[in-house]
Amino acid sequence: QVQLVESGGGLVQPGGSLRLSCAASGDIASLNVMGWFRQAPGHQRELVASFSRDGTIRYGDSVKGRFTISRDNAKNSVFLQMNNLKPEDTAVYYCHCNARLLGYSVAYNVWGQGTQVTVSS
């Protein structure tokens, strides 16, 4: 199995910054996609930012120019630097990956437990 461990959420004032971290562990053969989604109360889960295996980065429209995703391939980790945070960024942020385990040919989706980010004065 693959496990995702997230850290870095919290309470921040509008205009502030936070950095989220996520590390994948397990008998991982490959990570096809790894990144972040978020879900606010009453809303669907949406893409924040993600890496594909070839390094292509996708950002959700609402975070472009403010959030930056980075990764450490050696540690199967991704990071999300969130700047100029707004109240509408308040949500539970979930780490996600699509992973293939050693000895298996099929990849599957894995979700972290989620970390709360609250932007409020």
C-alpha atoms as a PDB file:
ATOM      1  CA  GLN A   1       0.000   0.000   0.000  1.00  0.00           C
ATOM      2  CA  VAL A   2       0.914   3.635  -0.452  1.00  0.00           C
ATOM      3  CA  GLN A   3       0.428   6.123   2.342  1.00  0.00           C
ATOM      4  CA  LEU A   4       0.441   9.908   2.092  1.00  0.00           C
ATOM      5  CA  VAL A   5       1.372  12.032   5.089  1.00  0.00           C
ATOM      6  CA  GLU A   6       0.544  15.737   4.934  1.00  0.00           C
ATOM      7  CA  SER A   7       1.641  18.619   7.118  1.00  0.00           C
ATOM      8  CA  GLY A   8       1.662  22.386   7.187  1.00  0.00           C
ATOM      9  CA  GLY A   9      -1.954  23.514   7.421  1.00  0.00           C
ATOM     10  CA  GLY A  10      -3.197  26.097   9.868  1.00  0.00           C
ATOM     11  CA  LEU A  11      -4.715  29.519  10.390  1.00  0.00           C
ATOM     12  CA  VAL A  12      -3.334  32.515   8.539  1.00  0.00           C
ATOM     13  CA  GLN A  13      -4.464  36.061   7.910  1.00  0.00           C
ATOM     14  CA  PRO A  14      -5.441  37.247   4.433  1.00  0.00           C
ATOM     15  CA  GLY A  15      -2.334  38.043   2.431  1.00  0.00           C
ATOM     16  CA  GLY A  16      -0.264  35.583   4.421  1.00  0.00           C
ATOM     17  CA  SER A  17       1.575  32.456   3.355  1.00  0.00           C
ATOM     18  CA  LEU A  18       1.615  28.774   4.229  1.00  0.00           C
ATOM     19  CA  ARG A  19       3.600  25.810   2.972  1.00  0.00           C
ATOM     20  CA  LEU A  20       2.126  22.333   2.750  1.00  0.00           C
ATOM     21  CA  SER A  21       4.184  19.161   2.548  1.00  0.00           C
ATOM     22  CA  CYS A  22       3.243  15.643   1.518  1.00  0.00           C
ATOM     23  CA  ALA A  23       5.368  12.513   1.509  1.00  0.00           C
ATOM     24  CA  ALA A  24       4.442   9.192  -0.061  1.00  0.00           C
ATOM     25  CA  SER A  25       5.668   5.950   1.453  1.00  0.00           C
ATOM     26  CA  GLY A  26       5.335   2.295   0.568  1.00  0.00           C
ATOM     27  CA  ASP A  27       6.641  -0.094  -2.064  1.00  0.00           C
ATOM     28  CA  ILE A  28       6.307   2.456  -4.834  1.00  0.00           C
ATOM     29  CA  ALA A  29       7.384   1.579  -8.346  1.00  0.00           C
ATOM     30  CA  SER A  30       6.239   4.829  -9.926  1.00  0.00           C
ATOM     31  CA  LEU A  31       4.233   7.937  -9.169  1.00  0.00           C
ATOM     32  CA  ASN A  32       2.295   8.955 -12.271  1.00  0.00           C
ATOM     33  CA  VAL A  33       0.682  12.021 -10.737  1.00  0.00           C
ATOM     34  CA  MET A  34       1.199  13.743  -7.420  1.00  0.00           C
ATOM     35  CA  GLY A  35      -0.297  16.944  -6.147  1.00  0.00           C
ATOM     36  CA  TRP A  36      -2.977  18.744  -4.175  1.00  0.00           C
ATOM     37  CA  PHE A  37      -6.743  19.084  -4.235  1.00  0.00           C
ATOM     38  CA  ARG A  38      -8.958  21.036  -1.876  1.00  0.00           C
ATOM     39  CA  GLN A  39     -12.542  20.935  -0.724  1.00  0.00           C
ATOM     40  CA  ALA A  40     -14.430  23.730   0.964  1.00  0.00           C
ATOM     41  CA  PRO A  41     -17.755  23.162   2.769  1.00  0.00           C
ATOM     42  CA  GLY A  42     -20.568  22.867   0.253  1.00  0.00           C
ATOM     43  CA  HIS A  43     -18.194  22.653  -2.695  1.00  0.00           C
ATOM     44  CA  GLN A  44     -16.784  19.858  -4.818  1.00  0.00           C
ATOM     45  CA  ARG A  45     -13.192  18.785  -4.467  1.00  0.00           C
ATOM     46  CA  GLU A  46     -11.077  20.735  -6.936  1.00  0.00           C
ATOM     47  CA  LEU A  47      -7.566  20.612  -8.312  1.00  0.00           C
ATOM     48  CA  VAL A  48      -5.089  23.000  -6.729  1.00  0.00           C
ATOM     49  CA  ALA A  49      -1.845  21.894  -8.369  1.00  0.00           C
ATOM     50  CA  SER A  50      -0.241  18.697  -9.573  1.00  0.00           C
ATOM     51  CA  PHE A  51       2.817  17.182 -11.226  1.00  0.00           C
ATOM     52  CA  SER A  52       2.577  14.532 -13.887  1.00  0.00           C
ATOM     53  CA  ARG A  53       5.320  11.950 -14.176  1.00  0.00           C
ATOM     54  CA  ASP A  54       7.041  13.853 -16.989  1.00  0.00           C
ATOM     55  CA  GLY A  55       7.145  16.992 -14.863  1.00  0.00           C
ATOM     56  CA  THR A  56       4.192  18.789 -16.412  1.00  0.00           C
ATOM     57  CA  ILE A  57       2.521  21.063 -13.863  1.00  0.00           C
ATOM     58  CA  ARG A  58      -1.161  21.918 -13.714  1.00  0.00           C
ATOM     59  CA  TYR A  59      -2.690  24.646 -11.553  1.00  0.00           C
ATOM     60  CA  GLY A  60      -6.281  25.409 -10.750  1.00  0.00           C
ATOM     61  CA  ASP A  61      -7.334  28.736 -12.254  1.00  0.00           C
ATOM     62  CA  SER A  62      -8.050  30.332  -8.903  1.00  0.00           C
ATOM     63  CA  VAL A  63      -4.508  29.794  -7.569  1.00  0.00           C
ATOM     64  CA  LYS A  64      -2.386  30.618 -10.606  1.00  0.00           C
ATOM     65  CA  GLY A  65       0.231  33.212  -9.790  1.00  0.00           C
ATOM     66  CA  ARG A  66      -0.161  32.736  -6.041  1.00  0.00           C
ATOM     67  CA  PHE A  67       0.587  29.063  -5.371  1.00  0.00           C
ATOM     68  CA  THR A  68       3.681  27.138  -6.413  1.00  0.00           C
ATOM     69  CA  ILE A  69       4.068  23.373  -6.389  1.00  0.00           C
ATOM     70  CA  SER A  70       7.468  21.733  -6.138  1.00  0.00           C
ATOM     71  CA  ARG A  71       8.715  18.225  -5.571  1.00  0.00           C
ATOM     72  CA  ASP A  72      11.568  16.084  -4.330  1.00  0.00           C
ATOM     73  CA  ASN A  73      11.565  12.947  -6.457  1.00  0.00           C
ATOM     74  CA  ALA A  74      14.140  11.189  -4.299  1.00  0.00           C
ATOM     75  CA  LYS A  75      11.823  11.494  -1.304  1.00  0.00           C
ATOM     76  CA  ASN A  76       8.523  11.002  -3.185  1.00  0.00           C
ATOM     77  CA  SER A  77       7.408  14.339  -1.799  1.00  0.00           C
ATOM     78  CA  VAL A  78       5.531  17.373  -3.034  1.00  0.00           C
ATOM     79  CA  PHE A  79       5.239  20.811  -1.536  1.00  0.00           C
ATOM     80  CA  LEU A  80       2.744  23.601  -2.010  1.00  0.00           C
ATOM     81  CA  GLN A  81       3.844  27.158  -1.328  1.00  0.00           C
ATOM     82  CA  MET A  82       0.749  29.305  -0.914  1.00  0.00           C
ATOM     83  CA  ASN A  83       1.214  33.073  -1.023  1.00  0.00           C
ATOM     84  CA  ASN A  84      -1.229  35.965  -0.888  1.00  0.00           C
ATOM     85  CA  LEU A  85      -3.836  33.724   0.678  1.00  0.00           C
ATOM     86  CA  LYS A  86      -7.465  34.773   0.490  1.00  0.00           C
ATOM     87  CA  PRO A  87     -10.473  33.802   2.605  1.00  0.00           C
ATOM     88  CA  GLU A  88     -11.804  31.818  -0.351  1.00  0.00           C
ATOM     89  CA  ASP A  89      -8.729  29.580  -0.112  1.00  0.00           C
ATOM     90  CA  THR A  90     -10.133  28.209   3.145  1.00  0.00           C
ATOM     91  CA  ALA A  91     -10.615  24.472   2.683  1.00  0.00           C
ATOM     92  CA  VAL A  92      -9.328  21.044   3.577  1.00  0.00           C
ATOM     93  CA  TYR A  93      -6.322  20.375   1.375  1.00  0.00           C
ATOM     94  CA  TYR A  94      -5.747  16.790   0.279  1.00  0.00           C
ATOM     95  CA  CYS A  95      -2.580  15.317  -1.086  1.00  0.00           C
ATOM     96  CA  HIS A  96      -3.186  12.934  -3.985  1.00  0.00           C
ATOM     97  CA  CYS A  97      -1.116  10.559  -6.029  1.00  0.00           C
ATOM     98  CA  ASN A  98      -1.618   7.923  -8.682  1.00  0.00           C
ATOM     99  CA  ALA A  99       0.863   5.217  -7.829  1.00  0.00           C
ATOM    100  CA  ARG A 100       1.968   1.828  -9.064  1.00  0.00           C
ATOM    101  CA  LEU A 101       3.334  -0.591  -6.516  1.00  0.00           C
ATOM    102  CA  LEU A 102       6.340  -2.828  -7.057  1.00  0.00           C
ATOM    103  CA  GLY A 103       5.281  -6.064  -8.702  1.00  0.00           C
ATOM    104  CA  TYR A 104       1.995  -4.682  -9.973  1.00  0.00           C
ATOM    105  CA  SER A 105       1.066  -3.399 -13.427  1.00  0.00           C
ATOM    106  CA  VAL A 106      -1.919  -1.270 -12.439  1.00  0.00           C
ATOM    107  CA  ALA A 107      -1.730   2.123 -10.754  1.00  0.00           C
ATOM    108  CA  TYR A 108      -4.338   3.410  -8.348  1.00  0.00           C
ATOM    109  CA  ASN A 109      -5.334   6.657  -6.670  1.00  0.00           C
ATOM    110  CA  VAL A 110      -4.341   7.428  -3.106  1.00  0.00           C
ATOM    111  CA  TRP A 111      -5.547  10.277  -0.915  1.00  0.00           C
ATOM    112  CA  GLY A 112      -4.069  11.783   2.218  1.00  0.00           C
ATOM    113  CA  GLN A 113      -6.114  12.442   5.320  1.00  0.00           C
ATOM    114  CA  GLY A 114      -6.382  16.148   4.585  1.00  0.00           C
ATOM    115  CA  THR A 115      -5.072  19.240   6.333  1.00  0.00           C
ATOM    116  CA  GLN A 116      -7.162  22.279   7.199  1.00  0.00           C
ATOM    117  CA  VAL A 117      -6.188  25.679   5.845  1.00  0.00           C
ATOM    118  CA  THR A 118      -8.135  28.626   7.233  1.00  0.00           C
ATOM    119  CA  VAL A 119      -7.633  32.158   5.964  1.00  0.00           C
ATOM    120  CA  SER A 120      -9.259  34.657   8.266  1.00  0.00           C
ATOM    121  CA  SER A 121      -8.562  37.909  10.056  1.00  0.00           C
END
